[in-house]
N, C-alpha and C. Protein backbone atom coordinates (compact mmCIF):
# COMPACT_ATOMS: atom_id res chain seq x y z
N MET A 1 -8.36 7.19 -11.05
CA MET A 1 -8.33 6.18 -10.01
C MET A 1 -9.77 5.88 -9.62
N GLN A 2 -10.09 4.63 -9.46
CA GLN A 2 -11.46 4.27 -9.14
C GLN A 2 -11.50 3.08 -8.20
N ARG A 3 -12.46 3.12 -7.30
CA ARG A 3 -12.68 1.94 -6.48
C ARG A 3 -13.25 0.87 -7.38
N LEU A 4 -13.04 -0.34 -7.02
CA LEU A 4 -13.57 -1.44 -7.82
C LEU A 4 -15.08 -1.48 -7.75
N SER A 5 -15.74 -1.61 -8.91
CA SER A 5 -17.17 -1.81 -8.92
C SER A 5 -17.44 -3.18 -8.31
N LYS A 6 -18.68 -3.42 -7.97
CA LYS A 6 -19.01 -4.71 -7.35
C LYS A 6 -18.62 -5.89 -8.24
N ARG A 7 -18.89 -5.77 -9.55
CA ARG A 7 -18.54 -6.84 -10.48
C ARG A 7 -17.03 -6.98 -10.60
N ARG A 8 -16.32 -5.87 -10.75
CA ARG A 8 -14.87 -5.89 -10.88
C ARG A 8 -14.23 -6.36 -9.58
N LEU A 9 -14.80 -5.95 -8.43
CA LEU A 9 -14.27 -6.37 -7.14
C LEU A 9 -14.39 -7.88 -7.00
N THR A 10 -15.53 -8.43 -7.43
CA THR A 10 -15.72 -9.88 -7.39
C THR A 10 -14.70 -10.56 -8.29
N SER A 11 -14.49 -10.01 -9.49
CA SER A 11 -13.52 -10.57 -10.42
C SER A 11 -12.11 -10.50 -9.84
N ALA A 12 -11.75 -9.35 -9.30
CA ALA A 12 -10.42 -9.19 -8.71
C ALA A 12 -10.24 -10.12 -7.51
N ALA A 13 -11.28 -10.21 -6.68
CA ALA A 13 -11.20 -11.08 -5.51
C ALA A 13 -11.03 -12.54 -5.93
N ALA A 14 -11.74 -12.95 -6.98
CA ALA A 14 -11.61 -14.33 -7.47
C ALA A 14 -10.19 -14.58 -7.98
N LEU A 15 -9.65 -13.62 -8.71
CA LEU A 15 -8.29 -13.78 -9.21
C LEU A 15 -7.28 -13.78 -8.07
N LEU A 16 -7.50 -12.93 -7.07
CA LEU A 16 -6.60 -12.91 -5.92
C LEU A 16 -6.69 -14.21 -5.14
N THR A 17 -7.92 -14.74 -4.99
CA THR A 17 -8.10 -16.00 -4.29
C THR A 17 -7.41 -17.13 -5.04
N ALA A 18 -7.51 -17.12 -6.36
CA ALA A 18 -6.82 -18.14 -7.16
C ALA A 18 -5.32 -18.03 -6.93
N GLY A 19 -4.83 -16.80 -6.83
CA GLY A 19 -3.41 -16.59 -6.55
C GLY A 19 -3.04 -17.11 -5.18
N LEU A 20 -3.93 -16.93 -4.21
CA LEU A 20 -3.67 -17.42 -2.87
C LEU A 20 -3.62 -18.94 -2.84
N ALA A 21 -4.49 -19.57 -3.62
CA ALA A 21 -4.50 -21.03 -3.65
C ALA A 21 -3.19 -21.55 -4.21
N ALA A 22 -2.58 -20.77 -5.07
CA ALA A 22 -1.31 -21.18 -5.67
C ALA A 22 -0.16 -20.38 -5.07
N SER A 23 -0.27 -20.04 -3.78
CA SER A 23 0.72 -19.15 -3.17
C SER A 23 2.13 -19.72 -3.18
N ALA A 24 2.28 -21.01 -3.32
CA ALA A 24 3.61 -21.59 -3.41
C ALA A 24 4.22 -21.35 -4.79
N SER A 25 3.38 -20.97 -5.73
CA SER A 25 3.84 -20.74 -7.09
C SER A 25 4.72 -19.50 -7.16
N ALA A 26 5.74 -19.57 -8.00
CA ALA A 26 6.62 -18.42 -8.20
C ALA A 26 5.90 -17.31 -8.95
N HIS A 27 4.73 -17.59 -9.49
CA HIS A 27 4.01 -16.60 -10.28
C HIS A 27 3.03 -15.78 -9.49
N ASN A 28 2.86 -16.05 -8.23
CA ASN A 28 1.91 -15.31 -7.41
C ASN A 28 2.38 -13.87 -7.25
N PRO A 29 1.58 -12.88 -7.72
CA PRO A 29 2.01 -11.48 -7.62
C PRO A 29 1.92 -10.92 -6.20
N LEU A 30 1.25 -11.64 -5.31
CA LEU A 30 1.07 -11.13 -3.96
C LEU A 30 2.36 -11.28 -3.15
N GLU A 31 2.68 -10.27 -2.37
CA GLU A 31 3.88 -10.33 -1.55
C GLU A 31 3.74 -11.38 -0.44
N HIS A 32 2.52 -11.59 0.02
CA HIS A 32 2.24 -12.58 1.07
C HIS A 32 0.75 -12.93 0.99
N PRO A 33 0.33 -14.04 1.59
CA PRO A 33 -1.06 -14.51 1.44
C PRO A 33 -2.13 -13.56 1.95
N ASP A 34 -1.81 -12.68 2.89
CA ASP A 34 -2.81 -11.76 3.44
C ASP A 34 -2.69 -10.36 2.86
N TRP A 35 -2.16 -10.24 1.63
CA TRP A 35 -1.95 -8.93 1.03
C TRP A 35 -3.24 -8.10 1.05
N CYS A 36 -3.14 -6.92 1.59
CA CYS A 36 -4.21 -5.91 1.60
C CYS A 36 -5.48 -6.35 2.32
N THR A 37 -5.34 -7.18 3.33
CA THR A 37 -6.54 -7.58 4.08
C THR A 37 -6.64 -6.83 5.40
N GLU A 38 -5.56 -6.18 5.84
CA GLU A 38 -5.58 -5.48 7.11
C GLU A 38 -5.75 -3.99 6.89
N ASN A 39 -6.95 -3.48 7.20
CA ASN A 39 -7.26 -2.05 7.08
C ASN A 39 -6.95 -1.51 5.68
N GLY A 40 -7.21 -2.33 4.66
CA GLY A 40 -6.93 -1.92 3.29
C GLY A 40 -8.11 -2.15 2.38
N ARG A 41 -8.09 -1.45 1.27
CA ARG A 41 -9.11 -1.63 0.23
C ARG A 41 -8.42 -1.65 -1.11
N LEU A 42 -8.98 -2.37 -2.06
CA LEU A 42 -8.41 -2.47 -3.40
C LEU A 42 -8.94 -1.34 -4.26
N VAL A 43 -8.04 -0.65 -4.95
CA VAL A 43 -8.42 0.45 -5.82
C VAL A 43 -7.73 0.24 -7.17
N VAL A 44 -8.52 0.23 -8.25
CA VAL A 44 -7.96 0.13 -9.59
C VAL A 44 -7.33 1.48 -9.93
N VAL A 45 -6.04 1.48 -10.22
CA VAL A 45 -5.35 2.73 -10.56
C VAL A 45 -5.01 2.81 -12.04
N ASP A 46 -5.13 1.70 -12.76
CA ASP A 46 -4.93 1.70 -14.20
C ASP A 46 -5.53 0.44 -14.79
N GLU A 47 -6.02 0.56 -16.00
CA GLU A 47 -6.47 -0.59 -16.78
C GLU A 47 -5.78 -0.47 -18.13
N PHE A 48 -5.31 -1.59 -18.64
CA PHE A 48 -4.63 -1.53 -19.94
C PHE A 48 -4.98 -2.74 -20.78
N ALA A 49 -4.93 -2.53 -22.08
CA ALA A 49 -5.13 -3.60 -23.06
C ALA A 49 -4.01 -3.45 -24.07
N TRP A 50 -3.05 -4.35 -24.00
CA TRP A 50 -1.92 -4.31 -24.92
C TRP A 50 -2.20 -5.23 -26.09
N ASP A 51 -2.03 -4.72 -27.30
CA ASP A 51 -2.34 -5.54 -28.47
C ASP A 51 -1.23 -6.55 -28.73
N GLY A 52 -1.62 -7.64 -29.34
CA GLY A 52 -0.72 -8.76 -29.56
C GLY A 52 0.44 -8.46 -30.49
N GLU A 53 0.20 -7.66 -31.51
CA GLU A 53 1.27 -7.35 -32.46
C GLU A 53 2.42 -6.60 -31.77
N THR A 54 2.06 -5.63 -30.95
CA THR A 54 3.09 -4.87 -30.22
C THR A 54 3.82 -5.75 -29.23
N LEU A 55 3.07 -6.57 -28.48
CA LEU A 55 3.71 -7.46 -27.50
C LEU A 55 4.64 -8.47 -28.19
N ALA A 56 4.22 -9.01 -29.31
CA ALA A 56 5.06 -9.96 -30.04
C ALA A 56 6.37 -9.29 -30.47
N ARG A 57 6.28 -8.04 -30.91
CA ARG A 57 7.47 -7.29 -31.30
C ARG A 57 8.40 -7.09 -30.10
N ILE A 58 7.83 -6.76 -28.94
CA ILE A 58 8.61 -6.56 -27.72
C ILE A 58 9.32 -7.86 -27.33
N VAL A 59 8.59 -8.97 -27.38
CA VAL A 59 9.16 -10.27 -27.02
C VAL A 59 10.30 -10.62 -27.96
N ARG A 60 10.09 -10.42 -29.27
CA ARG A 60 11.16 -10.71 -30.24
C ARG A 60 12.39 -9.87 -29.94
N LYS A 61 12.17 -8.60 -29.63
CA LYS A 61 13.29 -7.70 -29.35
C LYS A 61 14.04 -8.14 -28.09
N GLU A 62 13.31 -8.53 -27.05
CA GLU A 62 13.96 -8.98 -25.82
C GLU A 62 14.75 -10.26 -26.03
N ARG A 63 14.26 -11.10 -26.88
CA ARG A 63 14.97 -12.36 -27.17
C ARG A 63 16.09 -12.16 -28.16
N LYS A 64 16.08 -11.04 -28.83
CA LYS A 64 17.08 -10.72 -29.86
C LYS A 64 17.06 -11.75 -30.98
N GLY A 65 15.87 -12.31 -31.24
CA GLY A 65 15.67 -13.17 -32.39
C GLY A 65 16.27 -14.56 -32.35
N GLY A 66 16.82 -15.01 -31.24
CA GLY A 66 17.45 -16.33 -31.24
C GLY A 66 16.77 -17.31 -30.33
N ASP A 67 17.22 -18.56 -30.42
CA ASP A 67 16.69 -19.60 -29.55
C ASP A 67 17.51 -19.77 -28.29
N SER A 68 18.62 -19.06 -28.19
CA SER A 68 19.39 -19.11 -26.95
C SER A 68 19.50 -17.71 -26.40
N CYS A 69 19.56 -17.62 -25.12
CA CYS A 69 19.57 -16.32 -24.46
C CYS A 69 20.89 -16.16 -23.73
N SER A 70 21.50 -14.99 -23.85
CA SER A 70 22.74 -14.79 -23.12
C SER A 70 22.43 -14.68 -21.64
N SER A 71 23.33 -15.19 -20.84
CA SER A 71 23.14 -15.19 -19.41
C SER A 71 24.48 -15.11 -18.71
N SER A 72 24.58 -14.21 -17.76
CA SER A 72 25.82 -14.11 -17.01
C SER A 72 25.96 -15.27 -16.03
N GLN A 73 24.86 -15.98 -15.77
CA GLN A 73 24.89 -17.11 -14.84
C GLN A 73 24.69 -18.41 -15.60
N SER A 74 25.38 -18.56 -16.70
CA SER A 74 25.21 -19.78 -17.50
C SER A 74 26.22 -20.83 -17.07
N ASP A 75 26.29 -21.89 -17.82
CA ASP A 75 27.20 -23.00 -17.49
C ASP A 75 28.61 -22.75 -17.99
N GLY A 76 28.93 -21.52 -18.31
CA GLY A 76 30.26 -21.18 -18.80
C GLY A 76 30.30 -21.00 -20.30
N SER A 77 29.28 -21.42 -21.00
CA SER A 77 29.26 -21.27 -22.44
C SER A 77 28.80 -19.88 -22.88
N GLY A 78 28.25 -19.09 -21.94
CA GLY A 78 27.78 -17.75 -22.27
C GLY A 78 26.34 -17.72 -22.73
N THR A 79 25.75 -18.89 -22.96
CA THR A 79 24.35 -18.93 -23.38
C THR A 79 23.65 -20.03 -22.62
N ARG A 80 22.36 -19.98 -22.67
CA ARG A 80 21.54 -21.05 -22.13
C ARG A 80 20.34 -21.19 -23.04
N THR A 81 19.69 -22.32 -23.00
CA THR A 81 18.51 -22.52 -23.82
C THR A 81 17.37 -21.69 -23.24
N CYS A 82 16.66 -20.99 -24.11
CA CYS A 82 15.51 -20.21 -23.65
C CYS A 82 14.49 -21.18 -23.08
N GLY A 83 13.89 -20.81 -21.97
CA GLY A 83 12.93 -21.69 -21.33
C GLY A 83 11.80 -20.90 -20.74
N GLN A 84 11.18 -21.44 -19.73
CA GLN A 84 9.97 -20.84 -19.20
C GLN A 84 10.20 -19.47 -18.59
N PHE A 85 11.43 -19.13 -18.22
CA PHE A 85 11.64 -17.85 -17.58
C PHE A 85 11.79 -16.71 -18.56
N ASP A 86 11.90 -17.02 -19.84
CA ASP A 86 11.99 -15.96 -20.83
C ASP A 86 11.09 -16.26 -22.03
N ASP A 87 10.03 -17.02 -21.77
CA ASP A 87 9.05 -17.27 -22.82
C ASP A 87 8.12 -16.07 -22.91
N ASP A 88 7.15 -16.13 -23.82
CA ASP A 88 6.22 -15.01 -24.00
C ASP A 88 5.54 -14.63 -22.69
N TRP A 89 5.05 -15.64 -21.96
CA TRP A 89 4.34 -15.35 -20.71
C TRP A 89 5.24 -14.63 -19.72
N GLY A 90 6.44 -15.13 -19.54
CA GLY A 90 7.36 -14.53 -18.58
C GLY A 90 7.71 -13.09 -18.91
N ILE A 91 7.97 -12.82 -20.18
CA ILE A 91 8.34 -11.47 -20.59
C ILE A 91 7.15 -10.52 -20.44
N VAL A 92 5.97 -10.94 -20.88
CA VAL A 92 4.78 -10.08 -20.79
C VAL A 92 4.38 -9.88 -19.33
N ASN A 93 4.44 -10.94 -18.52
CA ASN A 93 4.11 -10.82 -17.11
C ASN A 93 5.05 -9.82 -16.42
N SER A 94 6.33 -9.90 -16.74
CA SER A 94 7.31 -8.99 -16.17
C SER A 94 7.03 -7.55 -16.59
N ARG A 95 6.67 -7.36 -17.83
CA ARG A 95 6.33 -6.01 -18.33
C ARG A 95 5.10 -5.46 -17.60
N ALA A 96 4.10 -6.30 -17.40
CA ALA A 96 2.88 -5.86 -16.71
C ALA A 96 3.21 -5.48 -15.26
N ALA A 97 4.01 -6.28 -14.59
CA ALA A 97 4.40 -5.99 -13.21
C ALA A 97 5.16 -4.67 -13.15
N GLY A 98 6.08 -4.47 -14.07
CA GLY A 98 6.85 -3.22 -14.11
C GLY A 98 5.97 -2.01 -14.38
N HIS A 99 5.00 -2.19 -15.28
CA HIS A 99 4.07 -1.11 -15.59
C HIS A 99 3.29 -0.71 -14.33
N CYS A 100 2.79 -1.69 -13.63
CA CYS A 100 1.97 -1.40 -12.44
C CYS A 100 2.81 -0.88 -11.28
N ASP A 101 4.05 -1.28 -11.18
CA ASP A 101 4.92 -0.78 -10.12
C ASP A 101 5.00 0.74 -10.13
N GLY A 102 4.83 1.32 -11.30
CA GLY A 102 4.87 2.78 -11.41
C GLY A 102 3.74 3.50 -10.69
N TYR A 103 2.73 2.76 -10.26
CA TYR A 103 1.59 3.35 -9.55
C TYR A 103 1.68 3.17 -8.04
N ALA A 104 2.77 2.60 -7.57
CA ALA A 104 2.96 2.44 -6.12
C ALA A 104 3.19 3.82 -5.50
N VAL A 105 2.66 4.02 -4.32
CA VAL A 105 2.82 5.28 -3.60
C VAL A 105 3.12 4.99 -2.14
N ARG A 106 3.55 6.01 -1.46
CA ARG A 106 3.77 5.90 -0.02
C ARG A 106 2.70 6.74 0.66
N PHE A 107 1.91 6.12 1.52
CA PHE A 107 0.88 6.83 2.26
C PHE A 107 1.45 7.24 3.62
N VAL A 108 1.50 8.54 3.87
CA VAL A 108 1.97 9.02 5.17
C VAL A 108 0.96 8.58 6.22
N GLY A 109 1.43 7.99 7.28
CA GLY A 109 0.55 7.53 8.34
C GLY A 109 -0.12 6.21 8.06
N ALA A 110 0.30 5.50 7.02
CA ALA A 110 -0.30 4.19 6.72
C ALA A 110 -0.06 3.25 7.90
N THR A 111 -1.05 2.39 8.15
CA THR A 111 -0.97 1.49 9.29
C THR A 111 -0.44 0.11 8.94
N HIS A 112 -0.12 -0.12 7.65
CA HIS A 112 0.35 -1.44 7.24
C HIS A 112 1.31 -1.28 6.06
N PRO A 113 2.36 -2.09 5.98
CA PRO A 113 3.31 -1.97 4.87
C PRO A 113 2.71 -2.27 3.49
N ASP A 114 1.56 -2.95 3.42
CA ASP A 114 0.92 -3.20 2.13
C ASP A 114 0.34 -1.93 1.52
N HIS A 115 -0.02 -0.98 2.33
CA HIS A 115 -0.65 0.25 1.84
C HIS A 115 0.29 0.96 0.87
N GLY A 116 -0.23 1.17 -0.33
CA GLY A 116 0.55 1.83 -1.38
C GLY A 116 1.16 0.89 -2.38
N THR A 117 1.21 -0.42 -2.07
CA THR A 117 1.78 -1.38 -3.01
C THR A 117 0.76 -1.71 -4.09
N VAL A 118 1.26 -2.14 -5.24
CA VAL A 118 0.41 -2.39 -6.41
C VAL A 118 0.74 -3.75 -7.01
N ILE A 119 -0.29 -4.45 -7.45
CA ILE A 119 -0.11 -5.69 -8.21
C ILE A 119 -0.89 -5.57 -9.52
N HIS A 120 -0.54 -6.43 -10.46
CA HIS A 120 -1.32 -6.48 -11.70
C HIS A 120 -2.21 -7.72 -11.64
N ILE A 121 -3.40 -7.56 -12.18
CA ILE A 121 -4.34 -8.68 -12.27
C ILE A 121 -4.73 -8.80 -13.74
N ALA A 122 -4.34 -9.91 -14.35
CA ALA A 122 -4.65 -10.15 -15.76
C ALA A 122 -6.10 -10.59 -15.88
N GLU A 123 -6.81 -9.96 -16.79
CA GLU A 123 -8.21 -10.33 -17.05
C GLU A 123 -8.33 -11.22 -18.28
N GLY A 124 -7.35 -11.22 -19.13
CA GLY A 124 -7.41 -12.05 -20.32
C GLY A 124 -6.20 -11.81 -21.19
N PRO A 125 -5.94 -12.72 -22.08
CA PRO A 125 -6.75 -13.87 -22.46
C PRO A 125 -6.68 -14.99 -21.43
N GLU A 126 -7.58 -15.92 -21.55
CA GLU A 126 -7.68 -17.03 -20.59
C GLU A 126 -6.38 -17.81 -20.50
N ALA A 127 -5.68 -17.97 -21.62
CA ALA A 127 -4.44 -18.73 -21.62
C ALA A 127 -3.38 -18.10 -20.70
N PHE A 128 -3.42 -16.79 -20.53
CA PHE A 128 -2.45 -16.12 -19.66
C PHE A 128 -2.64 -16.55 -18.21
N ASN A 129 -3.90 -16.79 -17.82
CA ASN A 129 -4.22 -17.17 -16.44
C ASN A 129 -4.34 -18.67 -16.22
N ASP A 130 -4.01 -19.47 -17.22
CA ASP A 130 -4.08 -20.92 -17.08
C ASP A 130 -3.03 -21.34 -16.05
N GLU A 131 -3.49 -21.74 -14.87
CA GLU A 131 -2.59 -22.04 -13.75
C GLU A 131 -1.58 -23.13 -14.08
N GLU A 132 -1.97 -24.10 -14.84
CA GLU A 132 -1.11 -25.25 -15.11
C GLU A 132 -0.22 -25.08 -16.35
N ARG A 133 -0.76 -24.45 -17.41
CA ARG A 133 -0.06 -24.49 -18.70
C ARG A 133 0.13 -23.13 -19.36
N HIS A 134 0.15 -22.04 -18.58
CA HIS A 134 0.25 -20.71 -19.20
C HIS A 134 1.54 -20.55 -20.01
N HIS A 135 2.64 -21.17 -19.61
CA HIS A 135 3.89 -21.06 -20.38
C HIS A 135 3.74 -21.70 -21.75
N ASP A 136 2.98 -22.78 -21.84
CA ASP A 136 2.78 -23.46 -23.12
C ASP A 136 1.69 -22.81 -23.96
N ARG A 137 0.61 -22.40 -23.33
CA ARG A 137 -0.57 -21.93 -24.07
C ARG A 137 -0.52 -20.47 -24.47
N TYR A 138 0.11 -19.62 -23.65
CA TYR A 138 0.06 -18.19 -23.92
C TYR A 138 1.10 -17.77 -24.95
N SER A 139 0.65 -16.95 -25.88
CA SER A 139 1.53 -16.33 -26.87
C SER A 139 1.32 -14.82 -26.79
N ALA A 140 2.40 -14.07 -26.91
CA ALA A 140 2.30 -12.60 -26.86
C ALA A 140 1.33 -12.08 -27.92
N ARG A 141 1.18 -12.81 -29.02
CA ARG A 141 0.26 -12.39 -30.08
C ARG A 141 -1.19 -12.32 -29.59
N MET A 142 -1.47 -12.95 -28.45
CA MET A 142 -2.83 -12.91 -27.89
C MET A 142 -3.12 -11.58 -27.21
N GLY A 143 -2.09 -10.78 -26.92
CA GLY A 143 -2.29 -9.52 -26.22
C GLY A 143 -2.47 -9.76 -24.73
N LEU A 144 -2.80 -8.69 -24.02
CA LEU A 144 -3.04 -8.79 -22.58
C LEU A 144 -3.97 -7.68 -22.14
N ARG A 145 -5.01 -8.06 -21.40
CA ARG A 145 -5.90 -7.10 -20.72
C ARG A 145 -5.68 -7.28 -19.23
N ALA A 146 -5.40 -6.19 -18.56
CA ALA A 146 -5.11 -6.30 -17.13
C ALA A 146 -5.42 -4.99 -16.43
N MET A 147 -5.36 -5.04 -15.12
CA MET A 147 -5.54 -3.84 -14.32
C MET A 147 -4.45 -3.80 -13.25
N CYS A 148 -4.11 -2.60 -12.86
CA CYS A 148 -3.18 -2.39 -11.75
C CYS A 148 -4.05 -2.07 -10.54
N VAL A 149 -3.88 -2.82 -9.47
CA VAL A 149 -4.69 -2.67 -8.27
C VAL A 149 -3.77 -2.29 -7.11
N ARG A 150 -4.11 -1.16 -6.49
CA ARG A 150 -3.31 -0.68 -5.36
C ARG A 150 -4.03 -0.94 -4.06
N CYS A 151 -3.28 -1.28 -3.05
CA CYS A 151 -3.82 -1.44 -1.70
C CYS A 151 -3.75 -0.07 -1.03
N GLU A 152 -4.90 0.45 -0.70
CA GLU A 152 -4.96 1.76 -0.05
C GLU A 152 -5.56 1.61 1.34
N PRO A 153 -5.09 2.44 2.26
CA PRO A 153 -5.64 2.35 3.61
C PRO A 153 -7.10 2.78 3.63
N VAL A 154 -7.87 2.12 4.47
CA VAL A 154 -9.26 2.51 4.66
C VAL A 154 -9.24 3.79 5.50
N VAL A 155 -9.85 4.81 4.96
CA VAL A 155 -9.88 6.09 5.66
C VAL A 155 -11.26 6.26 6.28
N LEU A 156 -11.29 6.42 7.57
CA LEU A 156 -12.56 6.61 8.25
C LEU A 156 -13.02 8.05 8.08
N GLU A 157 -14.32 8.22 7.87
CA GLU A 157 -14.86 9.57 7.75
C GLU A 157 -14.84 10.25 9.11
N PRO A 158 -14.53 11.55 9.13
CA PRO A 158 -14.53 12.25 10.42
C PRO A 158 -15.95 12.35 10.97
N LEU A 159 -16.04 12.42 12.27
CA LEU A 159 -17.35 12.58 12.91
C LEU A 159 -17.91 13.95 12.60
N ARG A 160 -19.23 14.00 12.44
CA ARG A 160 -19.92 15.28 12.25
C ARG A 160 -20.14 15.90 13.63
N PRO A 161 -20.15 17.22 13.71
CA PRO A 161 -20.40 17.86 15.01
C PRO A 161 -21.68 17.34 15.65
N GLY A 162 -21.57 16.97 16.92
CA GLY A 162 -22.74 16.48 17.65
C GLY A 162 -22.97 15.00 17.53
N GLU A 163 -22.26 14.31 16.61
CA GLU A 163 -22.46 12.88 16.41
C GLU A 163 -21.79 12.12 17.57
N PRO A 164 -22.50 11.14 18.16
CA PRO A 164 -21.90 10.39 19.28
C PRO A 164 -20.72 9.55 18.79
N VAL A 165 -19.74 9.37 19.64
CA VAL A 165 -18.56 8.58 19.31
C VAL A 165 -18.95 7.11 19.30
N ASP A 166 -18.63 6.41 18.21
CA ASP A 166 -18.93 4.99 18.06
C ASP A 166 -17.58 4.26 18.17
N PRO A 167 -17.34 3.53 19.26
CA PRO A 167 -16.02 2.90 19.44
C PRO A 167 -15.71 1.84 18.39
N VAL A 168 -16.71 1.34 17.66
CA VAL A 168 -16.48 0.32 16.66
C VAL A 168 -15.82 0.93 15.42
N ARG A 169 -16.13 2.20 15.14
CA ARG A 169 -15.56 2.87 13.98
C ARG A 169 -14.10 2.97 14.17
């Protein structure tokens, strides 16, 4: 587990800000626009690089090799046309979110419900983060580089003996 370096923090902040700008989007990984801004700090708890060949195999397996996907909520025919919700981007994004969910923790005494929650931030390829056309441009064969970022409570250092109390701390 590591705190974000200055460069990585800037990168993560930029990606989070981009997510905030598109907060109406169904793809925003943030639970709400002010995620981890109240007495919280961002901590990278995992970084991963999934190769394209493996991801393509996973996507093919999830689709079961066809152009139609079975759905219990279909129009009665038992199938529906595969679309943006089960394309390469959707499947890989869901896998990344599930992977990072495994790093969520509960902090005893946390002062905010965001503390302990985790989101994934994709670093590449660029097509994965294309705000307008990621469903069209991204292919699982491109792979995915991402990090899991947890919101952790800011822990104040205890006062040293003899140190005056600073009410701002």
